[in-house]
Amino acid sequence: MFEFLNDMENYESRCVDRFETDWGFISTARVSDGQKPFETGVKHNRYHDNRLTIVEAYDTVEEAKAGHERWVSTMTAAELPESLTDCENAECAHGV
């Protein structure tokens, strides 16, 4: 249940890609507490009180890289999404 503790202090080794800007960041990384082993999080000052929202999860590093690029394109477009929805990848989000 507390597998996320395995992800503390080792972000650099788990990071697939990261995009940083003045409004926040987009991070894609390997996780130990997810139903899927990779996920992309968006922290944008326009959404959710500037908290990180896990927007998509992936089965492979290739899917994660492609997903990261999609989210960078989405979040740098002239028109931003109306909202961001947490994809609930964490095992604890599903009561497992």
Foldseek 3Di string as FASTA:
>chain_A
DVQQVVVPPPFVVFWLDKDADPQGIKTWGAGRFFPAGIWIWTQGCVADVRDIATQDGDNDSVVSVVVSVVVVCQCPDPDHDPYGHHPQGGPVSVVD
